[in-house]
N, C-alpha and C. Protein backbone atom coordinates (compact mmCIF):
# COMPACT_ATOMS: atom_id res chain seq x y z
N ALA A 1 4.20 -10.81 -5.10
CA ALA A 1 3.40 -10.44 -6.22
C ALA A 1 3.49 -8.81 -6.41
N PHE A 2 3.93 -7.99 -5.13
CA PHE A 2 4.39 -6.56 -5.28
C PHE A 2 5.58 -6.16 -6.00
N SER A 3 6.65 -7.22 -5.72
CA SER A 3 7.99 -7.39 -6.76
C SER A 3 7.55 -7.19 -8.18
N ARG A 4 7.13 -8.46 -8.71
CA ARG A 4 6.47 -8.81 -10.06
C ARG A 4 6.12 -7.35 -10.43
N GLN A 5 4.78 -7.12 -9.94
CA GLN A 5 3.61 -6.21 -10.56
C GLN A 5 4.25 -4.94 -10.33
N GLN A 6 4.86 -4.24 -9.19
CA GLN A 6 4.89 -2.85 -8.86
C GLN A 6 6.33 -2.50 -8.88
N LEU A 7 7.19 -3.38 -8.18
CA LEU A 7 8.75 -2.95 -8.08
C LEU A 7 9.50 -2.93 -9.31
N VAL A 8 9.52 -4.37 -10.17
CA VAL A 8 10.21 -4.52 -10.94
C VAL A 8 9.76 -3.40 -12.15
N PRO A 9 8.40 -3.26 -12.19
CA PRO A 9 8.37 -2.17 -13.22
C PRO A 9 9.04 -0.84 -13.38
N ALA A 10 9.19 -0.58 -11.85
CA ALA A 10 9.69 0.79 -11.25
C ALA A 10 11.22 0.89 -11.61
N ILE A 11 11.84 -0.70 -11.27
CA ILE A 11 13.33 -0.46 -11.43
C ILE A 11 13.93 0.06 -12.59
N ALA A 12 13.44 -0.13 -13.90
CA ALA A 12 13.66 0.20 -15.26
C ALA A 12 13.93 1.87 -15.16
N PRO A 13 13.08 2.63 -14.99
CA PRO A 13 13.16 4.09 -14.95
C PRO A 13 14.46 4.77 -14.13
N PHE A 14 14.66 3.77 -12.99
CA PHE A 14 15.53 4.44 -11.95
C PHE A 14 16.89 3.91 -12.67
N LEU A 15 17.00 2.87 -13.38
CA LEU A 15 18.10 2.45 -14.06
C LEU A 15 18.37 3.12 -15.20
N HIS A 16 17.86 3.76 -15.71
CA HIS A 16 17.70 4.47 -16.98
C HIS A 16 18.55 5.93 -16.62
N GLN A 17 17.87 6.60 -15.15
CA GLN A 17 18.26 7.65 -14.39
C GLN A 17 19.52 7.51 -13.75
N HIS A 18 19.94 6.25 -13.52
CA HIS A 18 21.41 6.34 -12.94
C HIS A 18 22.09 4.93 -13.18
N PRO A 19 22.38 5.45 -14.76
CA PRO A 19 22.99 4.20 -15.43
C PRO A 19 24.01 3.43 -14.90
N GLN A 20 25.02 4.40 -13.88
CA GLN A 20 26.29 3.58 -13.17
C GLN A 20 25.85 3.10 -11.97
N LEU A 21 24.75 2.76 -11.56
CA LEU A 21 24.41 1.66 -10.60
C LEU A 21 23.81 0.76 -11.04
N HIS A 22 24.17 -0.64 -10.02
CA HIS A 22 23.80 -1.97 -10.31
C HIS A 22 23.16 -2.45 -9.12
N LEU A 23 21.72 -2.84 -9.66
CA LEU A 23 20.80 -3.57 -8.83
C LEU A 23 20.74 -4.95 -8.72
N GLN A 24 20.86 -5.76 -7.70
CA GLN A 24 20.46 -7.28 -7.82
C GLN A 24 19.32 -7.55 -6.77
N LEU A 25 18.10 -7.84 -7.51
CA LEU A 25 17.09 -8.33 -6.66
C LEU A 25 16.85 -9.63 -6.07
N GLU A 26 16.67 -10.16 -5.05
CA GLU A 26 16.03 -11.44 -4.58
C GLU A 26 14.92 -11.63 -4.21
N VAL A 27 14.01 -11.91 -4.71
CA VAL A 27 12.88 -12.18 -4.46
C VAL A 27 12.18 -13.48 -3.38
N THR A 28 11.55 -13.16 -2.32
CA THR A 28 11.90 -14.44 -1.22
C THR A 28 10.74 -14.09 -0.10
N ASP A 29 10.22 -15.14 -0.03
CA ASP A 29 9.06 -15.22 1.39
C ASP A 29 9.95 -15.27 2.78
N ARG A 30 11.08 -15.73 2.73
CA ARG A 30 11.50 -16.04 3.88
C ARG A 30 12.34 -14.67 4.60
N LEU A 31 12.50 -14.49 6.05
CA LEU A 31 13.09 -13.72 6.63
C LEU A 31 14.62 -13.84 6.37
N VAL A 32 15.13 -12.45 5.91
CA VAL A 32 16.40 -12.65 5.29
C VAL A 32 17.19 -12.01 6.36
N SER A 33 18.45 -12.43 6.90
CA SER A 33 19.19 -11.47 7.98
C SER A 33 19.92 -10.66 6.93
N LEU A 34 19.68 -9.36 6.70
CA LEU A 34 20.24 -8.64 5.76
C LEU A 34 21.90 -8.54 5.99
N ALA A 35 22.06 -8.22 7.07
CA ALA A 35 23.53 -7.77 7.31
C ALA A 35 24.43 -8.87 6.79
N SER A 36 24.33 -9.96 7.04
CA SER A 36 24.89 -11.34 7.37
C SER A 36 25.05 -11.92 6.32
N GLU A 37 24.07 -11.47 5.08
CA GLU A 37 23.98 -11.94 3.86
C GLU A 37 24.22 -10.94 2.85
N GLY A 38 24.57 -9.83 3.49
CA GLY A 38 25.05 -8.74 2.20
C GLY A 38 24.28 -8.04 1.71
N PHE A 39 23.17 -7.93 2.44
CA PHE A 39 21.79 -7.17 1.54
C PHE A 39 21.81 -5.96 1.90
N ASP A 40 21.33 -4.70 1.05
CA ASP A 40 21.54 -3.40 1.63
C ASP A 40 20.13 -3.03 1.94
N LEU A 41 19.07 -3.82 1.22
CA LEU A 41 17.89 -2.89 1.67
C LEU A 41 16.75 -4.03 1.50
N ALA A 42 15.74 -4.01 2.08
CA ALA A 42 14.39 -5.04 1.91
C ALA A 42 13.33 -4.26 2.16
N ILE A 43 12.33 -4.89 1.21
CA ILE A 43 11.03 -4.29 1.39
C ILE A 43 9.98 -5.41 1.85
N ARG A 44 9.46 -5.33 3.29
CA ARG A 44 8.66 -6.30 3.62
C ARG A 44 7.25 -5.86 4.08
N HIS A 45 5.98 -6.89 3.61
CA HIS A 45 4.96 -6.43 4.17
C HIS A 45 4.60 -7.35 5.55
N CYS A 46 4.45 -6.59 6.30
CA CYS A 46 4.38 -6.82 7.82
C CYS A 46 4.11 -6.03 8.81
N ARG A 47 3.79 -6.30 10.18
CA ARG A 47 3.32 -5.18 11.17
C ARG A 47 4.19 -4.74 11.58
N ARG A 48 4.21 -3.11 12.34
CA ARG A 48 5.27 -2.83 13.13
C ARG A 48 5.94 -3.79 13.81
N GLU A 49 5.21 -4.22 14.34
CA GLU A 49 5.81 -4.81 15.62
C GLU A 49 6.82 -5.98 15.29
N ALA A 50 6.73 -6.36 13.83
CA ALA A 50 7.47 -7.78 13.61
C ALA A 50 8.95 -7.15 12.79
N LEU A 51 9.29 -6.09 12.81
CA LEU A 51 10.70 -5.32 12.18
C LEU A 51 11.64 -5.64 13.61
N PRO A 52 12.68 -5.93 13.12
CA PRO A 52 13.98 -6.12 14.19
C PRO A 52 14.42 -4.65 14.24
N ASP A 53 14.48 -4.71 15.74
CA ASP A 53 14.92 -3.54 16.36
C ASP A 53 16.44 -3.12 15.91
N THR A 54 17.08 -4.11 15.37
CA THR A 54 18.32 -3.72 15.09
C THR A 54 18.53 -2.89 13.69
N HIS A 55 17.37 -2.80 12.81
CA HIS A 55 17.26 -2.17 11.47
C HIS A 55 16.72 -0.69 11.85
N VAL A 56 16.49 -0.08 10.67
CA VAL A 56 16.31 1.12 10.41
C VAL A 56 14.89 0.69 9.64
N ALA A 57 13.60 1.27 9.53
CA ALA A 57 12.72 1.01 8.82
C ALA A 57 11.59 2.34 8.74
N TRP A 58 10.96 2.33 7.72
CA TRP A 58 9.82 3.45 7.44
C TRP A 58 8.92 2.77 6.31
N PRO A 59 7.44 3.05 6.61
CA PRO A 59 6.60 2.71 5.77
C PRO A 59 6.90 3.23 4.34
N LEU A 60 6.30 2.43 3.26
CA LEU A 60 7.00 2.70 2.29
C LEU A 60 5.33 3.04 1.57
N CYS A 61 4.42 2.33 1.81
CA CYS A 61 3.01 2.79 1.34
C CYS A 61 2.07 2.12 2.27
N HIS A 62 0.89 2.17 2.53
CA HIS A 62 -0.47 1.91 2.66
C HIS A 62 -0.94 0.43 2.00
N THR A 63 -1.51 -0.50 2.57
CA THR A 63 -1.96 -1.56 1.85
C THR A 63 -3.32 -1.98 2.33
N ALA A 64 -4.26 -2.93 1.61
CA ALA A 64 -5.41 -3.11 1.92
C ALA A 64 -5.70 -4.74 1.74
N THR A 65 -6.58 -5.42 2.63
CA THR A 65 -7.00 -6.53 1.91
C THR A 65 -8.26 -6.40 1.14
N LEU A 66 -8.41 -6.77 0.00
CA LEU A 66 -9.61 -7.25 -0.47
C LEU A 66 -10.20 -8.58 -0.40
N ILE A 67 -11.41 -8.89 -0.64
CA ILE A 67 -12.20 -9.88 -0.96
C ILE A 67 -12.80 -10.04 -2.38
N VAL A 68 -12.19 -11.28 -3.14
CA VAL A 68 -12.43 -10.87 -4.55
C VAL A 68 -12.51 -12.35 -5.25
N ALA A 69 -13.14 -12.23 -6.46
CA ALA A 69 -13.58 -13.67 -7.12
C ALA A 69 -13.30 -13.23 -8.62
N SER A 70 -13.47 -14.14 -9.23
CA SER A 70 -13.17 -14.08 -10.86
C SER A 70 -14.60 -13.64 -11.59
N ALA A 71 -14.90 -12.81 -12.49
CA ALA A 71 -16.17 -12.77 -13.27
C ALA A 71 -16.66 -13.95 -13.33
N ASP A 72 -16.11 -15.05 -13.87
CA ASP A 72 -16.37 -16.72 -14.37
C ASP A 72 -17.12 -17.13 -13.08
N TYR A 73 -16.41 -17.03 -12.03
CA TYR A 73 -16.96 -17.78 -10.56
C TYR A 73 -18.25 -17.24 -10.04
N ILE A 74 -18.34 -15.95 -10.45
CA ILE A 74 -19.66 -15.14 -10.02
C ILE A 74 -20.41 -15.58 -10.77
N ARG A 75 -20.32 -15.90 -11.88
CA ARG A 75 -21.28 -16.00 -13.18
C ARG A 75 -21.65 -17.34 -12.82
N ARG A 76 -20.91 -18.22 -12.43
CA ARG A 76 -21.47 -19.83 -12.22
C ARG A 76 -21.95 -19.99 -10.66
N TYR A 77 -21.48 -19.14 -9.77
CA TYR A 77 -22.09 -19.27 -8.45
C TYR A 77 -22.60 -18.28 -7.84
N GLY A 78 -22.74 -17.45 -8.36
CA GLY A 78 -23.52 -15.77 -7.77
C GLY A 78 -22.51 -15.09 -6.67
N ARG A 79 -23.27 -13.95 -6.53
CA ARG A 79 -22.29 -13.13 -5.73
C ARG A 79 -22.61 -13.23 -4.25
N PRO A 80 -22.02 -13.22 -3.44
CA PRO A 80 -22.13 -13.19 -1.94
C PRO A 80 -22.45 -11.92 -1.81
N GLU A 81 -23.57 -11.66 -0.83
CA GLU A 81 -24.00 -10.42 -0.27
C GLU A 81 -23.91 -10.31 1.19
N THR A 82 -23.25 -11.28 1.81
CA THR A 82 -23.13 -10.93 3.33
C THR A 82 -21.80 -11.95 3.61
N PRO A 83 -21.13 -11.39 4.66
CA PRO A 83 -20.36 -12.59 4.88
C PRO A 83 -20.52 -13.99 5.49
N ASP A 84 -21.72 -14.16 5.82
CA ASP A 84 -21.91 -15.35 6.03
C ASP A 84 -22.66 -16.14 4.83
N ASP A 85 -22.71 -15.40 3.81
CA ASP A 85 -23.02 -15.99 2.28
C ASP A 85 -21.67 -17.30 2.36
N LEU A 86 -20.35 -16.51 2.40
CA LEU A 86 -19.41 -17.34 2.29
C LEU A 86 -19.25 -18.67 2.73
N ARG A 87 -20.24 -19.03 3.92
CA ARG A 87 -19.73 -20.48 4.23
C ARG A 87 -20.66 -21.73 2.93
N HIS A 88 -21.42 -20.95 2.12
CA HIS A 88 -21.64 -21.85 0.76
C HIS A 88 -21.11 -21.44 -0.32
N HIS A 89 -19.80 -20.91 -0.21
CA HIS A 89 -18.90 -20.43 -1.30
C HIS A 89 -17.64 -21.47 -1.21
N GLN A 90 -17.02 -21.64 -2.19
CA GLN A 90 -15.53 -22.20 -2.42
C GLN A 90 -14.54 -21.12 -2.09
N CYS A 91 -13.78 -21.16 -0.91
CA CYS A 91 -12.70 -20.07 -0.40
C CYS A 91 -11.70 -20.57 -0.42
N LEU A 92 -10.66 -19.88 -1.04
CA LEU A 92 -9.05 -20.18 -1.21
C LEU A 92 -8.58 -19.55 -0.22
N THR A 93 -7.54 -19.97 0.79
CA THR A 93 -7.00 -19.39 1.97
C THR A 93 -5.60 -19.23 1.93
N TYR A 94 -5.10 -18.80 2.62
CA TYR A 94 -3.96 -18.36 3.20
C TYR A 94 -3.23 -19.09 4.32
N PRO A 95 -3.03 -20.22 4.82
CA PRO A 95 -2.94 -21.04 5.97
C PRO A 95 -2.12 -20.22 6.81
N ARG A 96 -2.51 -19.93 8.18
CA ARG A 96 -1.52 -19.51 9.15
C ARG A 96 -1.06 -20.41 10.32
N GLY A 97 -1.33 -21.85 10.12
CA GLY A 97 -1.18 -22.92 10.92
C GLY A 97 -2.30 -24.05 10.58
N PRO A 98 -2.21 -24.83 11.73
CA PRO A 98 -2.98 -26.46 11.49
C PRO A 98 -4.46 -25.85 11.70
N GLN A 99 -4.58 -24.77 12.26
CA GLN A 99 -6.34 -24.55 12.51
C GLN A 99 -7.11 -24.68 11.44
N ARG A 100 -8.41 -24.80 11.53
CA ARG A 100 -9.24 -24.74 10.41
C ARG A 100 -9.26 -23.20 10.00
N PRO A 101 -9.54 -22.67 8.84
CA PRO A 101 -9.31 -21.18 8.61
C PRO A 101 -10.50 -20.56 8.77
N GLN A 102 -10.52 -19.58 9.31
CA GLN A 102 -11.48 -18.42 9.64
C GLN A 102 -11.53 -17.00 8.82
N TRP A 103 -12.37 -16.36 8.45
CA TRP A 103 -12.22 -15.07 7.98
C TRP A 103 -13.14 -14.10 9.06
N THR A 104 -12.40 -13.25 9.26
CA THR A 104 -13.12 -12.12 9.86
C THR A 104 -13.59 -10.65 9.48
N PHE A 105 -14.82 -10.05 9.42
CA PHE A 105 -14.70 -9.23 8.90
C PHE A 105 -15.57 -8.00 9.74
N ALA A 106 -15.01 -6.55 9.42
CA ALA A 106 -15.46 -5.38 10.51
C ALA A 106 -16.53 -4.77 9.37
N SER A 107 -17.45 -4.44 9.97
CA SER A 107 -18.61 -3.29 9.17
C SER A 107 -17.75 -1.85 8.93
N ARG A 108 -17.65 -1.62 7.72
CA ARG A 108 -17.27 -0.37 7.48
C ARG A 108 -18.17 0.82 8.04
N GLN A 109 -19.36 0.57 8.12
CA GLN A 109 -20.60 1.40 8.52
C GLN A 109 -20.37 1.38 10.20
N THR A 110 -20.16 0.55 11.02
CA THR A 110 -20.02 0.39 12.37
C THR A 110 -18.93 -0.29 12.69
N PRO A 111 -17.23 0.04 12.57
CA PRO A 111 -16.21 -0.77 12.89
C PRO A 111 -16.40 -1.61 13.80
N ASP A 112 -16.96 -1.39 14.81
CA ASP A 112 -16.87 -2.34 16.02
C ASP A 112 -17.81 -3.57 15.92
N GLU A 113 -18.47 -3.49 14.64
CA GLU A 113 -19.42 -4.74 14.37
C GLU A 113 -18.26 -5.69 13.71
N ARG A 114 -18.38 -6.77 14.11
CA ARG A 114 -17.51 -7.75 13.64
C ARG A 114 -18.08 -9.09 13.51
N VAL A 115 -17.66 -9.94 12.23
CA VAL A 115 -18.25 -11.13 12.15
C VAL A 115 -16.98 -12.13 11.83
N THR A 116 -17.09 -13.56 12.32
CA THR A 116 -15.89 -14.41 12.07
C THR A 116 -16.59 -15.60 11.60
N ILE A 117 -16.27 -16.20 10.50
CA ILE A 117 -16.96 -17.51 9.66
C ILE A 117 -15.89 -18.16 9.62
N ASN A 118 -16.21 -19.32 9.56
CA ASN A 118 -15.39 -20.67 9.04
C ASN A 118 -15.48 -20.94 7.55
N VAL A 119 -14.66 -20.96 6.66
CA VAL A 119 -14.54 -21.22 5.44
C VAL A 119 -14.19 -22.35 5.22
N GLN A 120 -14.22 -23.21 3.92
CA GLN A 120 -13.66 -23.96 3.34
C GLN A 120 -13.52 -23.81 1.87
N GLY A 121 -12.73 -24.87 1.10
CA GLY A 121 -12.50 -24.64 -0.09
C GLY A 121 -11.42 -25.44 -0.69
N PRO A 122 -11.28 -25.50 -1.90
CA PRO A 122 -10.30 -26.89 -2.71
C PRO A 122 -8.93 -26.21 -2.87
N PHE A 123 -8.51 -25.13 -2.12
CA PHE A 123 -7.17 -24.70 -2.37
C PHE A 123 -6.45 -23.86 -1.46
N ALA A 124 -5.36 -23.83 -0.80
CA ALA A 124 -4.97 -23.28 0.19
C ALA A 124 -3.39 -23.20 -0.34
N THR A 125 -2.99 -21.95 -0.21
CA THR A 125 -1.27 -21.63 -0.52
C THR A 125 -0.74 -20.66 0.43
N ASN A 126 0.48 -20.39 0.76
CA ASN A 126 1.07 -19.24 1.36
C ASN A 126 1.75 -18.39 0.54
N ASN A 127 1.19 -17.96 -0.76
CA ASN A 127 1.70 -16.83 -1.87
C ASN A 127 0.76 -16.25 -2.39
N SER A 128 0.33 -14.48 -2.00
CA SER A 128 -0.69 -14.49 -2.60
C SER A 128 -0.70 -14.34 -4.23
N GLU A 129 0.38 -14.29 -4.67
CA GLU A 129 0.06 -14.68 -6.11
C GLU A 129 -0.26 -15.20 -6.70
N SER A 130 -0.16 -16.52 -6.21
CA SER A 130 -0.64 -18.04 -6.02
C SER A 130 -2.07 -18.05 -5.93
N LEU A 131 -2.32 -17.39 -4.86
CA LEU A 131 -3.79 -17.46 -4.62
C LEU A 131 -4.55 -16.53 -5.33
N ARG A 132 -4.02 -15.54 -6.07
CA ARG A 132 -4.64 -14.65 -7.20
C ARG A 132 -4.47 -15.58 -8.38
N ASP A 133 -3.72 -16.28 -8.62
CA ASP A 133 -3.71 -17.58 -9.82
C ASP A 133 -5.05 -17.85 -9.89
N ALA A 134 -5.13 -18.47 -8.69
CA ALA A 134 -5.97 -19.34 -8.66
C ALA A 134 -7.59 -18.91 -8.48
N VAL A 135 -7.78 -17.68 -8.01
CA VAL A 135 -8.88 -16.78 -7.98
C VAL A 135 -9.06 -16.25 -9.87
N LEU A 136 -8.30 -16.18 -10.86
CA LEU A 136 -8.08 -15.96 -12.05
C LEU A 136 -8.96 -17.24 -12.79
N ALA A 137 -8.37 -18.37 -12.24
CA ALA A 137 -8.84 -19.97 -12.63
C ALA A 137 -10.32 -20.21 -12.47
N GLY A 138 -10.86 -19.19 -11.45
CA GLY A 138 -12.32 -19.50 -11.28
C GLY A 138 -12.63 -20.45 -10.03
N LEU A 139 -11.49 -20.86 -9.22
CA LEU A 139 -11.65 -21.64 -8.04
C LEU A 139 -12.39 -21.55 -6.95
N GLY A 140 -12.50 -19.78 -7.02
CA GLY A 140 -13.10 -19.69 -5.49
C GLY A 140 -12.95 -18.30 -5.15
N VAL A 141 -13.59 -17.94 -4.06
CA VAL A 141 -13.24 -16.63 -3.61
C VAL A 141 -12.14 -16.49 -2.73
N ALA A 142 -11.21 -15.11 -2.69
CA ALA A 142 -10.09 -15.08 -1.66
C ALA A 142 -9.81 -13.71 -1.16
N LEU A 143 -9.17 -13.64 -0.06
CA LEU A 143 -8.80 -12.43 0.26
C LEU A 143 -7.53 -12.25 0.02
N LEU A 144 -6.93 -11.09 -0.77
CA LEU A 144 -5.65 -10.98 -1.32
C LEU A 144 -5.28 -9.16 -0.89
N PRO A 145 -3.91 -9.32 -0.60
CA PRO A 145 -3.72 -7.72 -0.61
C PRO A 145 -3.71 -6.89 -1.94
N ASN A 146 -4.06 -5.69 -1.95
CA ASN A 146 -4.48 -4.89 -2.86
C ASN A 146 -3.53 -5.31 -4.03
N PHE A 147 -2.18 -4.95 -3.76
CA PHE A 147 -1.02 -4.92 -4.63
C PHE A 147 -1.19 -6.17 -5.57
N SER A 148 -1.54 -7.24 -4.95
CA SER A 148 -2.11 -8.62 -5.76
C SER A 148 -3.15 -8.68 -6.78
N ALA A 149 -4.00 -7.88 -6.59
CA ALA A 149 -5.35 -7.99 -6.95
C ALA A 149 -5.48 -6.42 -8.04
N ARG A 150 -4.83 -5.66 -7.84
CA ARG A 150 -5.02 -4.49 -8.66
C ARG A 150 -5.26 -4.58 -10.18
N GLU A 151 -4.14 -5.46 -10.49
CA GLU A 151 -4.15 -5.47 -12.01
C GLU A 151 -5.01 -6.11 -12.74
N ALA A 152 -5.38 -7.46 -12.05
CA ALA A 152 -6.63 -8.17 -12.51
C ALA A 152 -8.14 -7.57 -12.69
N ILE A 153 -7.89 -6.71 -11.36
CA ILE A 153 -9.41 -5.67 -11.19
C ILE A 153 -9.35 -4.73 -12.13
N GLY A 154 -8.47 -4.27 -12.51
CA GLY A 154 -8.08 -3.19 -13.67
C GLY A 154 -8.52 -3.72 -15.04
N ARG A 155 -8.11 -4.99 -15.39
CA ARG A 155 -8.67 -5.63 -16.30
C ARG A 155 -10.08 -6.17 -16.56
N GLY A 156 -10.67 -6.24 -15.27
CA GLY A 156 -12.15 -6.85 -15.51
C GLY A 156 -11.92 -8.24 -15.33
N LEU A 157 -10.94 -8.97 -14.70
CA LEU A 157 -10.85 -10.18 -14.47
C LEU A 157 -11.42 -10.63 -13.23
N VAL A 158 -11.39 -9.75 -12.05
CA VAL A 158 -11.49 -10.04 -10.82
C VAL A 158 -12.35 -9.08 -10.22
N GLN A 159 -13.54 -9.12 -9.59
CA GLN A 159 -14.35 -8.17 -8.98
C GLN A 159 -14.25 -8.32 -7.51
N GLU A 160 -14.29 -7.01 -6.81
CA GLU A 160 -14.45 -7.23 -5.36
C GLU A 160 -15.52 -7.45 -4.73
N LEU A 161 -15.74 -7.99 -3.85
CA LEU A 161 -16.77 -8.50 -3.05
C LEU A 161 -17.24 -7.99 -1.82
N LEU A 162 -18.14 -7.86 -1.18
CA LEU A 162 -18.91 -7.26 0.01
C LEU A 162 -17.98 -6.03 -0.05
N PRO A 163 -18.50 -4.98 -0.04
CA PRO A 163 -17.71 -3.38 -0.37
C PRO A 163 -18.42 -2.90 1.21
N ALA A 164 -19.20 -3.37 1.80
CA ALA A 164 -19.45 -3.18 3.13
C ALA A 164 -18.91 -3.50 4.44
N TRP A 165 -17.98 -4.46 3.74
CA TRP A 165 -17.22 -4.90 5.00
C TRP A 165 -15.69 -5.23 4.83
N GLN A 166 -14.85 -4.70 5.71
CA GLN A 166 -13.48 -5.07 5.52
C GLN A 166 -12.56 -6.17 6.11
N PRO A 167 -12.22 -6.74 5.61
CA PRO A 167 -11.25 -7.93 6.06
C PRO A 167 -10.15 -7.78 6.82
N VAL A 168 -10.46 -8.45 8.49
CA VAL A 168 -9.36 -7.84 9.20
C VAL A 168 -8.67 -9.11 9.68
N GLU A 169 -7.33 -8.86 10.14
CA GLU A 169 -6.49 -9.72 10.77
C GLU A 169 -5.92 -10.82 9.74
N VAL A 170 -5.59 -10.43 8.25
CA VAL A 170 -5.47 -11.15 7.09
C VAL A 170 -3.84 -10.83 7.16
N PHE A 171 -3.67 -9.78 6.21
CA PHE A 171 -2.25 -9.27 5.87
C PHE A 171 -2.12 -8.23 6.30
N ALA A 172 -0.89 -7.45 6.63
CA ALA A 172 -0.33 -6.34 7.29
C ALA A 172 -1.04 -4.84 6.39
N ASP A 173 -0.96 -3.83 7.14
CA ASP A 173 -1.60 -2.85 6.55
C ASP A 173 -0.38 -1.80 5.85
N LYS A 174 0.69 -2.14 5.64
CA LYS A 174 1.89 -1.24 5.35
C LYS A 174 2.82 -2.13 4.61
N LEU A 175 3.60 -1.68 3.59
CA LEU A 175 4.89 -2.06 2.96
C LEU A 175 6.10 -1.42 3.86
N TYR A 176 6.83 -2.27 4.44
CA TYR A 176 8.16 -1.09 5.01
C TYR A 176 9.59 -1.75 4.16
N VAL A 177 10.27 -0.67 4.01
CA VAL A 177 11.55 -0.39 3.87
C VAL A 177 12.46 -0.66 4.76
N ILE A 178 13.23 -1.55 4.62
CA ILE A 178 14.11 -1.74 5.89
C ILE A 178 15.72 -1.85 5.89
N ARG A 179 16.61 -1.44 6.48
CA ARG A 179 18.06 -1.55 6.31
C ARG A 179 18.88 -2.02 7.21
N PRO A 180 19.91 -2.79 7.43
CA PRO A 180 20.51 -2.64 8.70
C PRO A 180 21.09 -1.29 9.12
N TYR A 181 21.08 -1.10 10.48
CA TYR A 181 21.68 -0.03 10.96
C TYR A 181 23.27 0.09 10.83
N THR A 182 23.53 1.07 10.37
CA THR A 182 24.82 1.25 10.05
C THR A 182 25.32 3.05 10.02
N PRO A 183 26.30 3.31 10.78
CA PRO A 183 26.40 5.09 10.93
C PRO A 183 26.51 5.45 9.47
N ARG A 184 27.08 4.95 8.46
CA ARG A 184 27.31 5.62 7.31
C ARG A 184 26.22 4.77 6.22
N VAL A 185 25.58 5.38 5.32
CA VAL A 185 24.78 4.75 4.42
C VAL A 185 25.51 4.87 3.03
N SER A 186 25.59 4.27 2.24
CA SER A 186 25.93 4.39 0.74
C SER A 186 25.26 5.40 -0.26
N ARG A 187 25.95 6.23 -0.82
CA ARG A 187 25.38 6.86 -1.80
C ARG A 187 24.07 6.25 -2.48
N ALA A 188 24.58 5.08 -3.12
CA ALA A 188 23.36 4.19 -3.99
C ALA A 188 22.19 4.00 -3.23
N VAL A 189 22.51 3.41 -2.10
CA VAL A 189 21.35 3.13 -1.19
C VAL A 189 20.45 4.31 -0.77
N GLU A 190 21.09 5.40 -0.64
CA GLU A 190 20.23 6.78 -0.24
C GLU A 190 19.79 6.75 -1.38
N THR A 191 20.02 6.87 -2.79
CA THR A 191 19.64 7.27 -4.06
C THR A 191 18.13 6.33 -4.18
N PHE A 192 18.59 5.17 -3.99
CA PHE A 192 17.36 4.06 -4.35
C PHE A 192 16.35 4.54 -3.54
N SER A 193 16.63 4.72 -2.05
CA SER A 193 15.49 4.91 -1.13
C SER A 193 14.86 5.83 -1.13
N ARG A 194 15.45 7.16 -1.74
CA ARG A 194 14.69 8.13 -1.96
C ARG A 194 13.97 8.12 -3.33
N TYR A 195 14.23 7.17 -4.27
CA TYR A 195 13.26 7.05 -5.31
C TYR A 195 12.50 6.08 -5.18
N LEU A 196 12.60 5.13 -4.21
CA LEU A 196 11.49 4.19 -3.69
C LEU A 196 10.33 4.94 -3.01
N LYS A 197 10.84 6.30 -2.19
CA LYS A 197 9.77 6.98 -1.44
C LYS A 197 8.70 7.78 -2.32
N ALA A 198 9.37 8.34 -3.27
CA ALA A 198 9.04 9.11 -4.20
C ALA A 198 7.67 8.62 -5.17
N THR A 199 8.30 7.21 -5.62
CA THR A 199 7.38 6.28 -6.52
C THR A 199 6.13 5.94 -6.01
N PHE A 200 6.39 5.25 -4.70
CA PHE A 200 5.30 4.65 -4.05
C PHE A 200 4.78 5.17 -2.82
N SER A 201 5.18 6.23 -2.56
CA SER A 201 4.39 6.74 -1.37
C SER A 201 3.29 7.97 -1.76
N GLU A 202 3.32 8.46 -2.93
CA GLU A 202 2.27 8.91 -3.63
C GLU A 202 0.65 7.99 -3.39
N PRO A 203 -0.24 8.88 -3.48
CA PRO A 203 -1.48 8.41 -3.37
C PRO A 203 -1.82 7.67 -4.47
N ARG A 204 -2.16 6.19 -4.42
CA ARG A 204 -2.26 5.42 -5.76
C ARG A 204 -4.08 5.13 -5.75
N PRO A 205 -4.80 5.19 -7.11
CA PRO A 205 -6.24 5.09 -7.05
C PRO A 205 -6.41 3.58 -6.74
N ALA A 206 -7.45 4.16 -5.76
CA ALA A 206 -8.24 2.60 -5.13
C ALA A 206 -8.98 1.66 -6.33
N PRO A 207 -8.90 0.51 -6.13
CA PRO A 207 -9.93 -0.31 -7.18
C PRO A 207 -11.21 0.26 -7.37
N ALA A 208 -11.67 0.05 -8.50
CA ALA A 208 -12.93 0.52 -8.92
C ALA A 208 -13.71 -0.32 -7.91
N PRO A 209 -15.18 -0.10 -7.39
CA PRO A 209 -16.05 -0.57 -6.80
C PRO A 209 -16.69 -1.68 -7.51
N ALA A 210 -17.02 -3.03 -7.00
CA ALA A 210 -17.69 -4.10 -7.63
C ALA A 210 -18.50 -3.46 -8.11
N PRO A 211 -19.04 -3.94 -9.47
CA PRO A 211 -20.41 -3.71 -10.45
C PRO A 211 -21.27 -4.82 -9.27
N ARG A 212 -22.67 -4.11 -9.74
CA ARG A 212 -23.58 -4.93 -8.81
C ARG A 212 -25.10 -4.97 -9.86
């Protein structure tokens, strides 16, 4: 989702500025061995402790997890007002293993207050863009990274729910740029790295609060 919605649109201005450079982009969810497979850079949505010690890494931007549903779904089934209400909704999940899916929320007013609920629904997938498409189709409520939901929220197709609660332990809170450790870095890699920092490290407007 980040690649299609954010990264690819940013590549065209970069190549216009640097016509002598050539970029090859591979989009995958698998963990790539950068050095052995010939990659110069990778962007990963992960926790800091998951980054390999043999690589150089720096945070590109912060991310957040949102709970969302389509406007059509809300019209048909109503808007959940508390995390407990989600027990009675169709919940679309990102599977993490064979265990029954659970969602945990922290109160924004008192972060030490946490609520964990069992959820169920008609669809699960380990791809956030596919999960977003299921939300757009009106299949249910989902937790999404903000970069997956931002475009649909901006167009009014998807609404953020439960503004008083923050989903926790779902997706990482940062995107990282990583590269293999080498004593010398090519000018092309340095140039593109600086461009990524300048483009994505700037503050971005938060999605509009859900209408009530």
